N, C-alpha and C. Protein backbone atom coordinates (compact mmCIF):
# COMPACT_ATOMS: atom_id res chain seq x y z
N MET A 1 50.03 198.84 105.36
CA MET A 1 50.42 199.19 104.01
C MET A 1 49.62 200.42 103.57
N SER A 2 50.33 201.33 102.93
CA SER A 2 49.70 202.54 102.43
C SER A 2 49.75 202.56 100.91
N LEU A 3 48.65 202.93 100.29
CA LEU A 3 48.63 203.07 98.85
C LEU A 3 49.36 204.35 98.45
N GLN A 4 50.16 204.24 97.41
CA GLN A 4 50.87 205.39 96.89
C GLN A 4 50.12 205.90 95.67
N VAL A 5 49.65 207.16 95.73
CA VAL A 5 48.94 207.78 94.62
C VAL A 5 49.81 208.90 94.06
N LEU A 6 49.93 208.91 92.74
CA LEU A 6 50.69 209.95 92.07
C LEU A 6 49.72 210.98 91.51
N GLY A 7 49.82 212.20 92.01
CA GLY A 7 48.98 213.29 91.54
C GLY A 7 49.64 214.03 90.40
N ILE A 8 48.84 214.38 89.40
CA ILE A 8 49.34 215.10 88.23
C ILE A 8 48.46 216.32 88.01
N ALA A 9 49.07 217.49 88.07
CA ALA A 9 48.34 218.73 87.80
C ALA A 9 48.45 219.04 86.32
N GLY A 10 47.30 219.26 85.68
CA GLY A 10 47.28 219.54 84.25
C GLY A 10 47.62 220.98 83.90
N SER A 11 48.04 221.75 84.86
CA SER A 11 48.40 223.15 84.64
C SER A 11 49.81 223.39 85.15
N LEU A 12 50.55 224.22 84.44
CA LEU A 12 51.90 224.57 84.87
C LEU A 12 51.94 225.84 85.70
N ARG A 13 50.86 226.56 85.74
CA ARG A 13 50.80 227.85 86.44
C ARG A 13 51.06 227.67 87.93
N ARG A 14 51.96 228.48 88.48
CA ARG A 14 52.28 228.38 89.91
C ARG A 14 51.04 228.50 90.78
N GLY A 15 50.14 229.42 90.44
CA GLY A 15 48.95 229.64 91.24
C GLY A 15 47.75 228.82 90.79
N SER A 16 48.00 227.72 90.12
CA SER A 16 46.94 226.88 89.58
C SER A 16 46.02 226.35 90.69
N TYR A 17 44.71 226.49 90.47
CA TYR A 17 43.75 225.91 91.40
C TYR A 17 43.85 224.38 91.41
N ASN A 18 44.23 223.79 90.30
CA ASN A 18 44.32 222.34 90.24
C ASN A 18 45.52 221.81 91.00
N ARG A 19 46.62 222.52 90.94
CA ARG A 19 47.78 222.16 91.78
C ARG A 19 47.40 222.33 93.26
N ALA A 20 46.68 223.44 93.57
CA ALA A 20 46.23 223.67 94.94
C ALA A 20 45.26 222.58 95.39
N LEU A 21 44.42 222.11 94.48
CA LEU A 21 43.49 221.03 94.82
C LEU A 21 44.24 219.74 95.15
N LEU A 22 45.31 219.47 94.41
CA LEU A 22 46.14 218.30 94.73
C LEU A 22 46.83 218.45 96.09
N ARG A 23 47.32 219.65 96.38
CA ARG A 23 47.94 219.87 97.70
C ARG A 23 46.91 219.68 98.82
N ALA A 24 45.70 220.18 98.59
CA ALA A 24 44.63 219.99 99.58
C ALA A 24 44.31 218.51 99.73
N ALA A 25 44.32 217.78 98.62
CA ALA A 25 44.06 216.34 98.67
C ALA A 25 45.12 215.63 99.51
N ALA A 26 46.38 216.01 99.33
CA ALA A 26 47.45 215.39 100.13
C ALA A 26 47.24 215.67 101.61
N ALA A 27 46.73 216.84 101.91
CA ALA A 27 46.53 217.23 103.32
C ALA A 27 45.35 216.50 103.97
N VAL A 28 44.34 216.14 103.20
CA VAL A 28 43.16 215.48 103.78
C VAL A 28 43.08 214.00 103.42
N ALA A 29 44.16 213.45 102.88
CA ALA A 29 44.15 212.05 102.47
C ALA A 29 43.76 211.13 103.63
N PRO A 30 42.91 210.14 103.36
CA PRO A 30 42.49 209.23 104.42
C PRO A 30 43.61 208.26 104.79
N ASP A 31 43.42 207.60 105.92
CA ASP A 31 44.36 206.55 106.30
C ASP A 31 44.49 205.55 105.16
N GLY A 32 45.71 205.12 104.93
CA GLY A 32 45.94 204.12 103.91
C GLY A 32 46.18 204.69 102.52
N LEU A 33 46.34 206.01 102.43
CA LEU A 33 46.60 206.63 101.13
C LEU A 33 47.61 207.75 101.31
N ARG A 34 48.62 207.73 100.47
CA ARG A 34 49.64 208.78 100.48
C ARG A 34 49.74 209.37 99.08
N LEU A 35 49.69 210.68 98.97
CA LEU A 35 49.68 211.36 97.68
C LEU A 35 50.94 212.17 97.49
N GLU A 36 51.62 211.95 96.36
CA GLU A 36 52.76 212.76 95.95
C GLU A 36 52.41 213.39 94.61
N ILE A 37 52.94 214.56 94.34
CA ILE A 37 52.61 215.28 93.11
C ILE A 37 53.79 215.24 92.14
N ALA A 38 53.49 214.84 90.90
CA ALA A 38 54.50 214.81 89.84
C ALA A 38 54.49 216.14 89.10
N GLU A 39 55.64 216.54 88.65
CA GLU A 39 55.77 217.74 87.82
C GLU A 39 55.91 217.30 86.36
N ILE A 40 55.19 217.96 85.47
CA ILE A 40 55.24 217.58 84.06
C ILE A 40 55.78 218.71 83.17
N GLY A 41 56.18 219.82 83.77
CA GLY A 41 56.63 220.97 82.99
C GLY A 41 57.92 220.75 82.23
N SER A 42 58.76 219.83 82.66
CA SER A 42 60.04 219.60 81.98
C SER A 42 59.94 218.52 80.89
N ILE A 43 58.76 217.93 80.73
CA ILE A 43 58.58 216.91 79.69
C ILE A 43 58.52 217.63 78.34
N PRO A 44 59.41 217.27 77.40
CA PRO A 44 59.41 217.97 76.10
C PRO A 44 58.17 217.59 75.29
N LEU A 45 57.89 218.40 74.27
CA LEU A 45 56.80 218.05 73.36
C LEU A 45 57.12 216.71 72.71
N PHE A 46 56.09 215.87 72.59
CA PHE A 46 56.31 214.56 71.99
C PHE A 46 56.74 214.73 70.54
N ASP A 47 57.78 213.99 70.19
CA ASP A 47 58.33 214.00 68.83
C ASP A 47 58.93 212.61 68.62
N ALA A 48 58.43 211.89 67.62
CA ALA A 48 58.91 210.53 67.37
C ALA A 48 60.40 210.51 67.05
N ASP A 49 60.92 211.59 66.44
CA ASP A 49 62.36 211.65 66.17
C ASP A 49 63.15 211.74 67.48
N LEU A 50 62.66 212.55 68.40
CA LEU A 50 63.28 212.66 69.71
C LEU A 50 63.22 211.32 70.44
N GLU A 51 62.07 210.67 70.38
CA GLU A 51 61.90 209.35 71.00
C GLU A 51 62.87 208.34 70.41
N ALA A 52 63.07 208.38 69.10
CA ALA A 52 63.96 207.43 68.42
C ALA A 52 65.41 207.60 68.86
N SER A 53 65.77 208.81 69.30
CA SER A 53 67.14 209.03 69.75
C SER A 53 67.31 208.70 71.24
N GLY A 54 66.24 208.27 71.88
CA GLY A 54 66.30 207.90 73.29
C GLY A 54 65.28 208.67 74.10
N THR A 55 64.60 207.99 74.98
CA THR A 55 63.56 208.63 75.79
C THR A 55 64.20 209.66 76.71
N PRO A 56 63.74 210.91 76.65
CA PRO A 56 64.32 211.96 77.51
C PRO A 56 64.17 211.62 79.01
N GLU A 57 65.14 212.07 79.79
CA GLU A 57 65.17 211.76 81.22
C GLU A 57 63.90 212.17 81.95
N PRO A 58 63.33 213.38 81.69
CA PRO A 58 62.09 213.73 82.40
C PRO A 58 60.94 212.75 82.11
N VAL A 59 60.92 212.21 80.92
CA VAL A 59 59.89 211.22 80.55
C VAL A 59 60.17 209.92 81.28
N GLN A 60 61.42 209.50 81.33
CA GLN A 60 61.77 208.27 82.06
C GLN A 60 61.37 208.38 83.53
N THR A 61 61.65 209.52 84.13
CA THR A 61 61.30 209.74 85.54
C THR A 61 59.79 209.69 85.72
N PHE A 62 59.06 210.37 84.85
CA PHE A 62 57.60 210.39 84.92
C PHE A 62 57.04 208.97 84.77
N ARG A 63 57.51 208.23 83.81
CA ARG A 63 57.03 206.85 83.60
C ARG A 63 57.36 205.96 84.81
N ARG A 64 58.56 206.12 85.36
CA ARG A 64 58.96 205.32 86.53
C ARG A 64 58.03 205.61 87.71
N ARG A 65 57.69 206.88 87.90
CA ARG A 65 56.80 207.24 89.01
C ARG A 65 55.40 206.66 88.80
N ILE A 66 54.95 206.60 87.56
CA ILE A 66 53.66 205.97 87.26
C ILE A 66 53.70 204.49 87.61
N VAL A 67 54.76 203.82 87.22
CA VAL A 67 54.90 202.39 87.52
C VAL A 67 54.89 202.16 89.03
N GLU A 68 55.58 203.00 89.78
CA GLU A 68 55.69 202.83 91.23
C GLU A 68 54.40 203.15 91.98
N ALA A 69 53.52 203.92 91.37
CA ALA A 69 52.27 204.32 92.03
C ALA A 69 51.23 203.21 91.96
N ASP A 70 50.43 203.12 93.01
CA ASP A 70 49.29 202.19 93.00
C ASP A 70 48.13 202.75 92.20
N ALA A 71 48.02 204.07 92.14
CA ALA A 71 46.94 204.74 91.41
C ALA A 71 47.41 206.13 91.01
N LEU A 72 46.70 206.72 90.07
CA LEU A 72 46.97 208.08 89.64
C LEU A 72 45.77 208.96 89.98
N LEU A 73 46.04 210.25 90.16
CA LEU A 73 44.99 211.23 90.40
C LEU A 73 45.33 212.46 89.57
N ILE A 74 44.51 212.75 88.56
CA ILE A 74 44.77 213.88 87.69
C ILE A 74 43.81 215.01 88.03
N ALA A 75 44.38 216.19 88.26
CA ALA A 75 43.60 217.41 88.47
C ALA A 75 43.72 218.23 87.20
N THR A 76 42.63 218.29 86.45
CA THR A 76 42.70 218.99 85.17
C THR A 76 41.91 220.28 85.15
N PRO A 77 42.54 221.34 84.64
CA PRO A 77 41.76 222.53 84.33
C PRO A 77 41.03 222.28 83.02
N GLU A 78 40.22 223.25 82.62
CA GLU A 78 39.53 223.15 81.34
C GLU A 78 40.00 224.29 80.45
N TYR A 79 40.63 223.93 79.34
CA TYR A 79 41.10 224.92 78.37
C TYR A 79 40.29 224.71 77.09
N ASN A 80 39.57 225.71 76.67
CA ASN A 80 38.81 225.63 75.43
C ASN A 80 37.94 224.37 75.36
N ARG A 81 37.27 224.10 76.48
CA ARG A 81 36.34 222.97 76.61
C ARG A 81 37.00 221.61 76.49
N SER A 82 38.28 221.52 76.82
CA SER A 82 38.99 220.25 76.78
C SER A 82 40.14 220.30 77.78
N ILE A 83 41.07 219.36 77.65
CA ILE A 83 42.21 219.31 78.56
C ILE A 83 43.36 220.14 78.02
N PRO A 84 44.24 220.59 78.88
CA PRO A 84 45.41 221.36 78.43
C PRO A 84 46.37 220.51 77.61
N GLY A 85 47.04 221.16 76.66
CA GLY A 85 48.01 220.46 75.83
C GLY A 85 49.13 219.83 76.61
N VAL A 86 49.59 220.50 77.68
CA VAL A 86 50.70 219.97 78.48
C VAL A 86 50.32 218.64 79.13
N LEU A 87 49.06 218.50 79.53
CA LEU A 87 48.59 217.24 80.13
C LEU A 87 48.51 216.15 79.06
N LYS A 88 47.95 216.49 77.91
CA LYS A 88 47.86 215.51 76.82
C LYS A 88 49.24 215.06 76.40
N ASN A 89 50.19 215.99 76.34
CA ASN A 89 51.56 215.66 75.98
C ASN A 89 52.17 214.65 76.96
N ALA A 90 51.98 214.88 78.26
CA ALA A 90 52.52 213.96 79.27
C ALA A 90 51.90 212.58 79.12
N ILE A 91 50.60 212.54 78.88
CA ILE A 91 49.91 211.25 78.68
C ILE A 91 50.44 210.57 77.42
N ASP A 92 50.64 211.34 76.35
CA ASP A 92 51.16 210.76 75.11
C ASP A 92 52.52 210.11 75.34
N TRP A 93 53.42 210.80 76.03
CA TRP A 93 54.73 210.23 76.32
C TRP A 93 54.60 208.97 77.18
N ALA A 94 53.75 209.02 78.19
CA ALA A 94 53.60 207.87 79.09
C ALA A 94 52.98 206.66 78.39
N SER A 95 52.23 206.91 77.34
CA SER A 95 51.51 205.82 76.66
C SER A 95 52.37 205.08 75.64
N ARG A 96 53.58 205.51 75.43
CA ARG A 96 54.42 204.91 74.39
C ARG A 96 54.96 203.55 74.82
N PRO A 97 55.06 202.62 73.85
CA PRO A 97 55.70 201.34 74.14
C PRO A 97 57.21 201.55 74.28
N PRO A 98 57.94 200.64 74.82
CA PRO A 98 57.46 199.38 75.38
C PRO A 98 57.01 199.58 76.83
N ASN A 99 56.34 198.59 77.32
CA ASN A 99 55.90 198.56 78.72
C ASN A 99 55.12 199.81 79.13
N GLN A 100 54.12 200.12 78.36
CA GLN A 100 53.26 201.27 78.63
C GLN A 100 52.71 201.15 80.05
N PRO A 101 53.00 202.09 80.95
CA PRO A 101 52.64 201.93 82.36
C PRO A 101 51.21 202.33 82.74
N LEU A 102 50.43 202.81 81.78
CA LEU A 102 49.10 203.32 82.11
C LEU A 102 48.02 202.23 82.12
N ALA A 103 48.17 201.24 81.28
CA ALA A 103 47.14 200.19 81.18
C ALA A 103 46.96 199.48 82.52
N GLY A 104 45.71 199.40 82.95
CA GLY A 104 45.39 198.72 84.19
C GLY A 104 45.59 199.57 85.44
N LYS A 105 46.01 200.82 85.29
CA LYS A 105 46.28 201.69 86.44
C LYS A 105 44.98 202.35 86.90
N PRO A 106 44.61 202.22 88.17
CA PRO A 106 43.45 202.95 88.70
C PRO A 106 43.68 204.45 88.59
N LEU A 107 42.61 205.18 88.28
CA LEU A 107 42.74 206.61 88.05
C LEU A 107 41.54 207.37 88.60
N GLY A 108 41.85 208.44 89.31
CA GLY A 108 40.83 209.41 89.72
C GLY A 108 41.04 210.69 88.93
N ILE A 109 39.94 211.34 88.57
CA ILE A 109 40.00 212.59 87.81
C ILE A 109 39.14 213.62 88.52
N PHE A 110 39.70 214.78 88.77
CA PHE A 110 38.91 215.89 89.28
C PHE A 110 39.50 217.18 88.76
N GLY A 111 38.86 218.30 89.09
CA GLY A 111 39.40 219.56 88.62
C GLY A 111 38.68 220.74 89.23
N ALA A 112 39.31 221.91 89.07
CA ALA A 112 38.79 223.15 89.62
C ALA A 112 38.92 224.25 88.58
N SER A 113 37.92 225.13 88.54
CA SER A 113 37.97 226.29 87.65
C SER A 113 37.12 227.41 88.22
N ASP A 114 37.30 228.58 87.66
CA ASP A 114 36.52 229.74 88.08
C ASP A 114 35.08 229.67 87.60
N GLY A 115 34.82 228.94 86.54
CA GLY A 115 33.49 228.91 85.94
C GLY A 115 32.47 228.13 86.75
N GLN A 116 31.23 228.22 86.32
CA GLN A 116 30.14 227.54 87.04
C GLN A 116 30.08 226.05 86.77
N TRP A 117 30.71 225.59 85.70
CA TRP A 117 30.63 224.16 85.37
C TRP A 117 31.83 223.37 85.89
N GLY A 118 32.72 224.00 86.61
CA GLY A 118 33.89 223.28 87.08
C GLY A 118 34.72 222.88 85.87
N THR A 119 35.04 221.64 85.77
CA THR A 119 35.84 221.15 84.64
C THR A 119 35.14 219.98 83.96
N VAL A 120 33.84 220.05 83.88
CA VAL A 120 33.05 218.91 83.40
C VAL A 120 33.45 218.48 81.98
N ARG A 121 33.63 219.42 81.06
CA ARG A 121 33.95 219.02 79.68
C ARG A 121 35.37 218.46 79.58
N ALA A 122 36.30 219.06 80.30
CA ALA A 122 37.67 218.53 80.30
C ALA A 122 37.69 217.11 80.87
N GLN A 123 36.92 216.89 81.93
CA GLN A 123 36.90 215.57 82.54
C GLN A 123 36.31 214.52 81.60
N VAL A 124 35.30 214.89 80.84
CA VAL A 124 34.72 213.96 79.86
C VAL A 124 35.78 213.56 78.83
N HIS A 125 36.51 214.54 78.32
CA HIS A 125 37.55 214.24 77.33
C HIS A 125 38.67 213.40 77.94
N LEU A 126 39.07 213.76 79.15
CA LEU A 126 40.15 213.02 79.79
C LEU A 126 39.74 211.57 80.09
N ARG A 127 38.50 211.37 80.50
CA ARG A 127 38.00 210.00 80.73
C ARG A 127 38.08 209.18 79.44
N ALA A 128 37.71 209.78 78.33
CA ALA A 128 37.75 209.06 77.05
C ALA A 128 39.18 208.68 76.68
N ILE A 129 40.10 209.62 76.83
CA ILE A 129 41.51 209.35 76.51
C ILE A 129 42.06 208.24 77.39
N CYS A 130 41.85 208.37 78.70
CA CYS A 130 42.42 207.41 79.65
C CYS A 130 41.78 206.03 79.53
N SER A 131 40.50 205.99 79.27
CA SER A 131 39.83 204.70 79.06
C SER A 131 40.38 204.00 77.83
N ALA A 132 40.65 204.77 76.76
CA ALA A 132 41.21 204.19 75.54
C ALA A 132 42.60 203.60 75.78
N LEU A 133 43.29 204.09 76.80
CA LEU A 133 44.62 203.59 77.14
C LEU A 133 44.57 202.43 78.13
N GLY A 134 43.35 202.02 78.50
CA GLY A 134 43.21 200.89 79.41
C GLY A 134 43.29 201.24 80.88
N MET A 135 43.23 202.53 81.19
CA MET A 135 43.25 202.93 82.59
C MET A 135 41.88 202.64 83.20
N LEU A 136 41.85 202.38 84.49
CA LEU A 136 40.62 202.01 85.19
C LEU A 136 40.11 203.23 85.95
N VAL A 137 39.27 204.00 85.27
CA VAL A 137 38.83 205.30 85.77
C VAL A 137 37.71 205.14 86.80
N LEU A 138 37.89 205.76 87.95
CA LEU A 138 36.85 205.81 88.98
C LEU A 138 35.66 206.58 88.41
N ALA A 139 34.49 205.92 88.36
CA ALA A 139 33.31 206.55 87.76
C ALA A 139 32.58 207.49 88.72
N ARG A 140 32.46 207.09 89.97
CA ARG A 140 31.73 207.88 90.96
C ARG A 140 32.46 207.82 92.27
N PRO A 141 32.46 208.85 93.04
CA PRO A 141 31.82 210.13 92.80
C PRO A 141 32.61 210.96 91.80
N GLU A 142 32.04 212.05 91.35
CA GLU A 142 32.74 213.00 90.51
C GLU A 142 33.00 214.25 91.36
N LEU A 143 34.07 214.94 91.01
CA LEU A 143 34.40 216.16 91.75
C LEU A 143 34.82 217.23 90.76
N MET A 144 33.97 218.25 90.64
CA MET A 144 34.22 219.38 89.76
C MET A 144 34.04 220.64 90.60
N VAL A 145 35.13 221.26 90.95
CA VAL A 145 35.08 222.43 91.82
C VAL A 145 34.84 223.67 90.97
N SER A 146 33.67 224.24 91.08
CA SER A 146 33.34 225.46 90.35
C SER A 146 33.61 226.68 91.23
N HIS A 147 33.70 227.84 90.61
CA HIS A 147 33.94 229.10 91.33
C HIS A 147 35.14 228.98 92.29
N ALA A 148 36.21 228.39 91.77
CA ALA A 148 37.39 228.10 92.60
C ALA A 148 37.95 229.36 93.26
N HIS A 149 37.84 230.50 92.62
CA HIS A 149 38.36 231.74 93.19
C HIS A 149 37.69 232.09 94.52
N GLN A 150 36.53 231.50 94.78
CA GLN A 150 35.82 231.72 96.04
C GLN A 150 36.15 230.65 97.08
N LYS A 151 36.85 229.60 96.66
CA LYS A 151 37.08 228.46 97.55
C LYS A 151 38.53 228.29 97.98
N PHE A 152 39.42 229.05 97.34
CA PHE A 152 40.84 229.03 97.69
C PHE A 152 41.25 230.45 98.07
N ASP A 153 42.14 230.56 99.05
CA ASP A 153 42.61 231.90 99.42
C ASP A 153 43.78 232.31 98.53
N ALA A 154 44.35 233.48 98.77
CA ALA A 154 45.43 234.01 97.94
C ALA A 154 46.68 233.13 97.99
N ALA A 155 46.85 232.37 99.05
CA ALA A 155 48.01 231.48 99.19
C ALA A 155 47.77 230.11 98.56
N GLY A 156 46.57 229.90 97.98
CA GLY A 156 46.27 228.63 97.35
C GLY A 156 45.76 227.57 98.31
N GLU A 157 45.33 227.97 99.49
CA GLU A 157 44.80 227.03 100.47
C GLU A 157 43.29 226.88 100.26
N LEU A 158 42.82 225.65 100.29
CA LEU A 158 41.39 225.39 100.18
C LEU A 158 40.72 225.82 101.49
N THR A 159 39.84 226.82 101.40
CA THR A 159 39.20 227.36 102.60
C THR A 159 37.73 226.98 102.70
N ASP A 160 37.19 226.36 101.67
CA ASP A 160 35.77 226.02 101.65
C ASP A 160 35.56 224.63 102.26
N GLU A 161 34.96 224.58 103.44
CA GLU A 161 34.81 223.29 104.14
C GLU A 161 33.93 222.29 103.39
N PRO A 162 32.82 222.68 102.76
CA PRO A 162 32.05 221.70 101.99
C PRO A 162 32.88 221.05 100.86
N THR A 163 33.72 221.85 100.21
CA THR A 163 34.59 221.30 99.15
C THR A 163 35.63 220.37 99.76
N ARG A 164 36.17 220.75 100.91
CA ARG A 164 37.15 219.90 101.61
C ARG A 164 36.52 218.54 101.95
N GLU A 165 35.28 218.55 102.38
CA GLU A 165 34.59 217.29 102.72
C GLU A 165 34.34 216.45 101.47
N LEU A 166 33.95 217.09 100.36
CA LEU A 166 33.79 216.35 99.10
C LEU A 166 35.11 215.75 98.65
N LEU A 167 36.20 216.48 98.85
CA LEU A 167 37.53 216.00 98.51
C LEU A 167 37.89 214.77 99.35
N ARG A 168 37.60 214.82 100.64
CA ARG A 168 37.87 213.66 101.51
C ARG A 168 37.10 212.43 101.02
N LYS A 169 35.81 212.63 100.72
CA LYS A 169 34.98 211.52 100.24
C LYS A 169 35.51 210.97 98.91
N TYR A 170 35.96 211.86 98.06
CA TYR A 170 36.51 211.42 96.78
C TYR A 170 37.75 210.55 96.99
N LEU A 171 38.62 210.96 97.88
CA LEU A 171 39.84 210.20 98.14
C LEU A 171 39.56 208.85 98.79
N VAL A 172 38.57 208.80 99.64
CA VAL A 172 38.15 207.51 100.22
C VAL A 172 37.67 206.59 99.10
N ALA A 173 36.88 207.13 98.18
CA ALA A 173 36.39 206.33 97.06
C ALA A 173 37.54 205.85 96.18
N LEU A 174 38.53 206.71 95.92
CA LEU A 174 39.69 206.30 95.12
C LEU A 174 40.49 205.23 95.85
N ARG A 175 40.69 205.39 97.14
CA ARG A 175 41.40 204.37 97.92
C ARG A 175 40.67 203.03 97.85
N ASP A 176 39.36 203.06 98.08
CA ASP A 176 38.58 201.83 98.09
C ASP A 176 38.55 201.18 96.70
N TRP A 177 38.44 202.00 95.65
CA TRP A 177 38.44 201.51 94.26
C TRP A 177 39.77 200.82 93.95
N THR A 178 40.86 201.44 94.35
CA THR A 178 42.19 200.87 94.09
C THR A 178 42.36 199.55 94.84
N LEU A 179 41.96 199.51 96.09
CA LEU A 179 42.07 198.27 96.88
C LEU A 179 41.20 197.17 96.28
N ARG A 180 40.00 197.53 95.84
CA ARG A 180 39.12 196.53 95.22
C ARG A 180 39.76 195.96 93.96
N LEU A 181 40.34 196.81 93.16
CA LEU A 181 41.00 196.35 91.94
C LEU A 181 42.22 195.49 92.27
N GLN A 182 42.98 195.88 93.26
CA GLN A 182 44.15 195.07 93.65
C GLN A 182 43.73 193.70 94.14
N ARG A 183 42.67 193.64 94.94
CA ARG A 183 42.18 192.34 95.43
C ARG A 183 41.70 191.48 94.27
N GLY A 184 41.04 192.09 93.30
CA GLY A 184 40.57 191.35 92.13
C GLY A 184 41.70 190.80 91.31
N LEU A 185 42.78 191.58 91.18
CA LEU A 185 43.94 191.11 90.43
C LEU A 185 44.64 189.97 91.16
N GLU A 186 44.69 190.04 92.48
CA GLU A 186 45.34 188.97 93.25
C GLU A 186 44.54 187.68 93.16
N ALA A 187 43.22 187.79 92.98
CA ALA A 187 42.36 186.60 92.94
C ALA A 187 42.32 185.98 91.55
N SER A 188 42.71 186.75 90.49
CA SER A 188 42.61 186.18 89.15
C SER A 188 43.74 185.19 88.87
N PRO A 189 43.44 184.25 87.97
CA PRO A 189 44.45 183.22 87.66
C PRO A 189 45.64 183.75 86.93
C-alpha cells in the first residue's frame, strides 16, 4: 500500500520555486509515498454569495482530492511576511461545511525563497491557520529552503544535493507521521 499525498503550491507563478520543490519532492519520494500536485489557480475568490448558489466545480475537485489524499503537503512562498492570498483562499474554500475535509488530515509544510530566512514567517502563519482547522501538522523536521535561486537551475530542477537530502528526510518523516496517525486511528474505539 502506498500513501497518497496531495501537494499544494502556494504560488501560481510558472517558475515558482515552491512548485519546483514539490516536483523535486515527487521525484525523491520514499517507498510507500506517492505525491501528486493540485492546482489552485482556477479556484475563485471566496464569496458567501457564490457559495450559496452552489460550490464551484474547481472547489469541488479540490475538496475531493483532499478527501482522497492520506496527507497534504503545502509548499508556501512568503509574501509580506505571511502566506499568499491564493493559498489562504484555497484553504478558506476547503474549510467550509459541510464535511470539511481538512480536520484530522496529516499535513507537511515547507517552502523555498530567495531570502536568507527561507519561508519561516509564512510557515508560522500557515501552521497557526491549519492547526485551527484541526489539521495534524508535522512539527519536525522543518524545511525552509533559503537562497533558492542558488539551489534550482533555470529549468526549475533542484540541483543542490544537501537540499535534496533534507527533502528526502522530510518526506520520510511525513510518511512515518501519517502512518503513525493512521495506526492510532485504527486502534481507537
